[in-house]
PDB file of N, CA and C in Angstrom:
ATOM      1  N   MET A   1      15.430  13.576 -26.788  1.00  0.00           N
ATOM      2  CA  MET A   1      15.425  13.121 -25.420  1.00  0.00           C
ATOM      3  C   MET A   1      15.591  11.607 -25.400  1.00  0.00           C
ATOM      4  N   ILE A   2      16.443  11.122 -24.525  1.00  0.00           N
ATOM      5  CA  ILE A   2      16.701   9.688 -24.417  1.00  0.00           C
ATOM      6  C   ILE A   2      15.722   9.085 -23.420  1.00  0.00           C
ATOM      7  N   LYS A   3      15.037   8.048 -23.863  1.00  0.00           N
ATOM      8  CA  LYS A   3      14.101   7.360 -22.973  1.00  0.00           C
ATOM      9  C   LYS A   3      14.828   6.189 -22.330  1.00  0.00           C
ATOM     10  N   ARG A   4      14.866   6.189 -21.032  1.00  0.00           N
ATOM     11  CA  ARG A   4      15.524   5.099 -20.312  1.00  0.00           C
ATOM     12  C   ARG A   4      14.529   3.968 -20.098  1.00  0.00           C
ATOM     13  N   ALA A   5      15.027   2.762 -20.214  1.00  0.00           N
ATOM     14  CA  ALA A   5      14.179   1.593 -20.007  1.00  0.00           C
ATOM     15  C   ALA A   5      13.885   1.426 -18.521  1.00  0.00           C
ATOM     16  N   ASN A   6      12.668   1.120 -18.243  1.00  0.00           N
ATOM     17  CA  ASN A   6      12.267   0.820 -16.869  1.00  0.00           C
ATOM     18  C   ASN A   6      12.684  -0.612 -16.571  1.00  0.00           C
ATOM     19  N   PRO A   7      13.464  -0.858 -15.500  1.00  0.00           N
ATOM     20  CA  PRO A   7      13.916  -2.225 -15.210  1.00  0.00           C
ATOM     21  C   PRO A   7      12.760  -3.203 -15.033  1.00  0.00           C
ATOM     22  N   VAL A   8      11.622  -2.725 -14.541  1.00  0.00           N
ATOM     23  CA  VAL A   8      10.469  -3.610 -14.375  1.00  0.00           C
ATOM     24  C   VAL A   8       9.953  -4.055 -15.737  1.00  0.00           C
ATOM     25  N   ASP A   9      10.007  -3.164 -16.735  1.00  0.00           N
ATOM     26  CA  ASP A   9       9.547  -3.527 -18.074  1.00  0.00           C
ATOM     27  C   ASP A   9      10.403  -4.628 -18.682  1.00  0.00           C
ATOM     28  N   GLN A  10      11.657  -4.720 -18.263  1.00  0.00           N
ATOM     29  CA  GLN A  10      12.566  -5.716 -18.817  1.00  0.00           C
ATOM     30  C   GLN A  10      12.496  -7.040 -18.065  1.00  0.00           C
ATOM     31  N   ALA A  11      11.795  -7.063 -16.957  1.00  0.00           N
ATOM     32  CA  ALA A  11      11.728  -8.267 -16.128  1.00  0.00           C
ATOM     33  C   ALA A  11      10.796  -9.300 -16.751  1.00  0.00           C
ATOM     34  N   GLN A  12      11.075 -10.543 -16.455  1.00  0.00           N
ATOM     35  CA  GLN A  12      10.203 -11.633 -16.878  1.00  0.00           C
ATOM     36  C   GLN A  12       8.944 -11.613 -16.011  1.00  0.00           C
ATOM     37  N   PRO A  13       7.815 -12.125 -16.533  1.00  0.00           N
ATOM     38  CA  PRO A  13       6.574 -12.096 -15.747  1.00  0.00           C
ATOM     39  C   PRO A  13       6.709 -12.729 -14.359  1.00  0.00           C
ATOM     40  N   GLY A  14       7.379 -13.858 -14.240  1.00  0.00           N
ATOM     41  CA  GLY A  14       7.561 -14.488 -12.934  1.00  0.00           C
ATOM     42  C   GLY A  14       8.361 -13.614 -11.991  1.00  0.00           C
ATOM     43  N   GLN A  15       9.347 -12.916 -12.554  1.00  0.00           N
ATOM     44  CA  GLN A  15      10.170 -12.015 -11.737  1.00  0.00           C
ATOM     45  C   GLN A  15       9.325 -10.842 -11.246  1.00  0.00           C
ATOM     46  N   ARG A  16       8.441 -10.352 -12.086  1.00  0.00           N
ATOM     47  CA  ARG A  16       7.560  -9.258 -11.671  1.00  0.00           C
ATOM     48  C   ARG A  16       6.677  -9.693 -10.513  1.00  0.00           C
ATOM     49  N   LEU A  17       6.144 -10.906 -10.605  1.00  0.00           N
ATOM     50  CA  LEU A  17       5.306 -11.413  -9.523  1.00  0.00           C
ATOM     51  C   LEU A  17       6.096 -11.532  -8.230  1.00  0.00           C
ATOM     52  N   GLU A  18       7.325 -12.018  -8.317  1.00  0.00           N
ATOM     53  CA  GLU A  18       8.156 -12.135  -7.112  1.00  0.00           C
ATOM     54  C   GLU A  18       8.436 -10.760  -6.516  1.00  0.00           C
ATOM     55  N   GLU A  19       8.678  -9.766  -7.372  1.00  0.00           N
ATOM     56  CA  GLU A  19       8.903  -8.406  -6.883  1.00  0.00           C
ATOM     57  C   GLU A  19       7.637  -7.856  -6.240  1.00  0.00           C
ATOM     58  N   LEU A  20       6.488  -8.140  -6.849  1.00  0.00           N
ATOM     59  CA  LEU A  20       5.213  -7.700  -6.290  1.00  0.00           C
ATOM     60  C   LEU A  20       4.974  -8.334  -4.929  1.00  0.00           C
ATOM     61  N   ILE A  21       5.259  -9.616  -4.822  1.00  0.00           N
ATOM     62  CA  ILE A  21       5.092 -10.307  -3.544  1.00  0.00           C
ATOM     63  C   ILE A  21       5.976  -9.658  -2.482  1.00  0.00           C
ATOM     64  N   GLY A  22       7.211  -9.338  -2.833  1.00  0.00           N
ATOM     65  CA  GLY A  22       8.112  -8.676  -1.891  1.00  0.00           C
ATOM     66  C   GLY A  22       7.588  -7.322  -1.445  1.00  0.00           C
ATOM     67  N   LEU A  23       7.052  -6.557  -2.388  1.00  0.00           N
ATOM     68  CA  LEU A  23       6.499  -5.248  -2.043  1.00  0.00           C
ATOM     69  C   LEU A  23       5.299  -5.379  -1.119  1.00  0.00           C
ATOM     70  N   VAL A  24       4.432  -6.339  -1.422  1.00  0.00           N
ATOM     71  CA  VAL A  24       3.249  -6.536  -0.580  1.00  0.00           C
ATOM     72  C   VAL A  24       3.662  -6.991   0.815  1.00  0.00           C
ATOM     73  N   GLU A  25       4.670  -7.867   0.900  1.00  0.00           N
ATOM     74  CA  GLU A  25       5.147  -8.315   2.216  1.00  0.00           C
ATOM     75  C   GLU A  25       5.692  -7.151   3.036  1.00  0.00           C
ATOM     76  N   ARG A  26       6.438  -6.255   2.387  1.00  0.00           N
ATOM     77  CA  ARG A  26       6.968  -5.089   3.116  1.00  0.00           C
ATOM     78  C   ARG A  26       5.844  -4.163   3.556  1.00  0.00           C
ATOM     79  N   ALA A  27       4.871  -3.952   2.666  1.00  0.00           N
ATOM     80  CA  ALA A  27       3.733  -3.099   3.024  1.00  0.00           C
ATOM     81  C   ALA A  27       2.923  -3.726   4.154  1.00  0.00           C
ATOM     82  N   LEU A  28       2.792  -5.048   4.120  1.00  0.00           N
ATOM     83  CA  LEU A  28       2.072  -5.756   5.179  1.00  0.00           C
ATOM     84  C   LEU A  28       2.774  -5.581   6.524  1.00  0.00           C
ATOM     85  N   ALA A  29       4.086  -5.699   6.531  1.00  0.00           N
ATOM     86  CA  ALA A  29       4.844  -5.511   7.770  1.00  0.00           C
ATOM     87  C   ALA A  29       4.675  -4.087   8.294  1.00  0.00           C
ATOM     88  N   LEU A  30       4.722  -3.117   7.399  1.00  0.00           N
ATOM     89  CA  LEU A  30       4.551  -1.721   7.807  1.00  0.00           C
ATOM     90  C   LEU A  30       3.152  -1.490   8.360  1.00  0.00           C
ATOM     91  N   ALA A  31       2.147  -2.025   7.688  1.00  0.00           N
ATOM     92  CA  ALA A  31       0.772  -1.855   8.163  1.00  0.00           C
ATOM     93  C   ALA A  31       0.597  -2.499   9.533  1.00  0.00           C
ATOM     94  N   GLY A  32       1.224  -3.646   9.735  1.00  0.00           N
ATOM     95  CA  GLY A  32       1.153  -4.300  11.042  1.00  0.00           C
ATOM     96  C   GLY A  32       1.822  -3.468  12.117  1.00  0.00           C
ATOM     97  N   ASP A  33       2.976  -2.881  11.781  1.00  0.00           N
ATOM     98  CA  ASP A  33       3.690  -2.037  12.738  1.00  0.00           C
ATOM     99  C   ASP A  33       2.864  -0.810  13.118  1.00  0.00           C
ATOM    100  N   MET A  34       2.083  -0.324  12.172  1.00  0.00           N
ATOM    101  CA  MET A  34       1.286   0.876  12.414  1.00  0.00           C
ATOM    102  C   MET A  34      -0.110   0.536  12.939  1.00  0.00           C
ATOM    103  N   GLN A  35      -0.358  -0.748  13.188  1.00  0.00           N
ATOM    104  CA  GLN A  35      -1.638  -1.229  13.692  1.00  0.00           C
ATOM    105  C   GLN A  35      -2.796  -0.834  12.775  1.00  0.00           C
ATOM    106  N   MET A  36      -2.572  -0.973  11.491  1.00  0.00           N
ATOM    107  CA  MET A  36      -3.601  -0.697  10.491  1.00  0.00           C
ATOM    108  C   MET A  36      -4.218  -2.047  10.102  1.00  0.00           C
ATOM    109  N   HIS A  37      -5.104  -2.539  10.932  1.00  0.00           N
ATOM    110  CA  HIS A  37      -5.579  -3.910  10.798  1.00  0.00           C
ATOM    111  C   HIS A  37      -6.359  -4.155   9.507  1.00  0.00           C
ATOM    112  N   ARG A  38      -7.205  -3.229   9.092  1.00  0.00           N
ATOM    113  CA  ARG A  38      -7.951  -3.427   7.844  1.00  0.00           C
ATOM    114  C   ARG A  38      -7.013  -3.408   6.648  1.00  0.00           C
ATOM    115  N   THR A  39      -6.056  -2.505   6.677  1.00  0.00           N
ATOM    116  CA  THR A  39      -5.073  -2.447   5.597  1.00  0.00           C
ATOM    117  C   THR A  39      -4.251  -3.725   5.572  1.00  0.00           C
ATOM    118  N   ALA A  40      -3.861  -4.200   6.737  1.00  0.00           N
ATOM    119  CA  ALA A  40      -3.087  -5.437   6.814  1.00  0.00           C
ATOM    120  C   ALA A  40      -3.886  -6.609   6.262  1.00  0.00           C
ATOM    121  N   ALA A  41      -5.169  -6.675   6.566  1.00  0.00           N
ATOM    122  CA  ALA A  41      -6.010  -7.761   6.054  1.00  0.00           C
ATOM    123  C   ALA A  41      -6.107  -7.694   4.532  1.00  0.00           C
ATOM    124  N   ALA A  42      -6.256  -6.502   3.986  1.00  0.00           N
ATOM    125  CA  ALA A  42      -6.327  -6.351   2.532  1.00  0.00           C
ATOM    126  C   ALA A  42      -5.001  -6.737   1.886  1.00  0.00           C
ATOM    127  N   LEU A  43      -3.894  -6.368   2.519  1.00  0.00           N
ATOM    128  CA  LEU A  43      -2.580  -6.724   1.986  1.00  0.00           C
ATOM    129  C   LEU A  43      -2.343  -8.229   2.068  1.00  0.00           C
ATOM    130  N   GLU A  44      -2.827  -8.865   3.122  1.00  0.00           N
ATOM    131  CA  GLU A  44      -2.696 -10.322   3.219  1.00  0.00           C
ATOM    132  C   GLU A  44      -3.447 -10.998   2.075  1.00  0.00           C
ATOM    133  N   ASP A  45      -4.639 -10.494   1.765  1.00  0.00           N
ATOM    134  CA  ASP A  45      -5.400 -11.036   0.638  1.00  0.00           C
ATOM    135  C   ASP A  45      -4.642 -10.842  -0.673  1.00  0.00           C
ATOM    136  N   ALA A  46      -4.061  -9.661  -0.856  1.00  0.00           N
ATOM    137  CA  ALA A  46      -3.293  -9.390  -2.072  1.00  0.00           C
ATOM    138  C   ALA A  46      -2.076 -10.301  -2.158  1.00  0.00           C
ATOM    139  N   LEU A  47      -1.440 -10.554  -1.024  1.00  0.00           N
ATOM    140  CA  LEU A  47      -0.274 -11.434  -0.994  1.00  0.00           C
ATOM    141  C   LEU A  47      -0.661 -12.853  -1.391  1.00  0.00           C
ATOM    142  N   VAL A  48      -1.760 -13.348  -0.866  1.00  0.00           N
ATOM    143  CA  VAL A  48      -2.222 -14.696  -1.213  1.00  0.00           C
ATOM    144  C   VAL A  48      -2.506 -14.785  -2.709  1.00  0.00           C
ATOM    145  N   GLN A  49      -3.159 -13.778  -3.255  1.00  0.00           N
ATOM    146  CA  GLN A  49      -3.471 -13.779  -4.685  1.00  0.00           C
ATOM    147  C   GLN A  49      -2.198 -13.728  -5.525  1.00  0.00           C
ATOM    148  N   ALA A  50      -1.232 -12.911  -5.113  1.00  0.00           N
ATOM    149  CA  ALA A  50       0.022 -12.815  -5.862  1.00  0.00           C
ATOM    150  C   ALA A  50       0.796 -14.123  -5.799  1.00  0.00           C
ATOM    151  N   GLU A  51       0.806 -14.761  -4.631  1.00  0.00           N
ATOM    152  CA  GLU A  51       1.504 -16.044  -4.508  1.00  0.00           C
ATOM    153  C   GLU A  51       0.824 -17.118  -5.353  1.00  0.00           C
ATOM    154  N   ARG A  52      -0.501 -17.118  -5.384  1.00  0.00           N
ATOM    155  CA  ARG A  52      -1.224 -18.072  -6.237  1.00  0.00           C
ATOM    156  C   ARG A  52      -0.875 -17.841  -7.702  1.00  0.00           C
ATOM    157  N   ALA A  53      -0.838 -16.575  -8.100  1.00  0.00           N
ATOM    158  CA  ALA A  53      -0.498 -16.256  -9.486  1.00  0.00           C
ATOM    159  C   ALA A  53       0.926 -16.687  -9.803  1.00  0.00           C
ATOM    160  N   ALA A  54       1.831 -16.497  -8.855  1.00  0.00           N
ATOM    161  CA  ALA A  54       3.225 -16.903  -9.069  1.00  0.00           C
ATOM    162  C   ALA A  54       3.323 -18.414  -9.206  1.00  0.00           C
ATOM    163  N   ASN A  55       2.564 -19.146  -8.417  1.00  0.00           N
ATOM    164  CA  ASN A  55       2.610 -20.607  -8.476  1.00  0.00           C
ATOM    165  C   ASN A  55       1.992 -21.150  -9.757  1.00  0.00           C
ATOM    166  N   THR A  56       0.956 -20.493 -10.265  1.00  0.00           N
ATOM    167  CA  THR A  56       0.321 -20.986 -11.490  1.00  0.00           C
ATOM    168  C   THR A  56       1.112 -20.607 -12.732  1.00  0.00           C
ATOM    169  N   SER A  57       1.951 -19.571 -12.635  1.00  0.00           N
ATOM    170  CA  SER A  57       2.719 -19.145 -13.811  1.00  0.00           C
ATOM    171  C   SER A  57       4.002 -19.938 -13.990  1.00  0.00           C
ATOM    172  N   LYS A  58       4.352 -20.766 -13.010  1.00  0.00           N
ATOM    173  CA  LYS A  58       5.608 -21.528 -13.084  1.00  0.00           C
ATOM    174  C   LYS A  58       5.431 -22.789 -13.879  1.00  0.00           C
TER     175      LYS A  58
END
């Protein structure tokens, strides 16, 4: 059986953080659209942490 490489596994750490930030931003927008305020607050916290991690890794 041929094992295919996961594109995320091949990404650089900074690129992974940028992808994570993008995912959290999309989830945050969706949570806001659905009026899921607690979820949105948790996602905002995750976004801040991911952005801090991205800034410190540069």
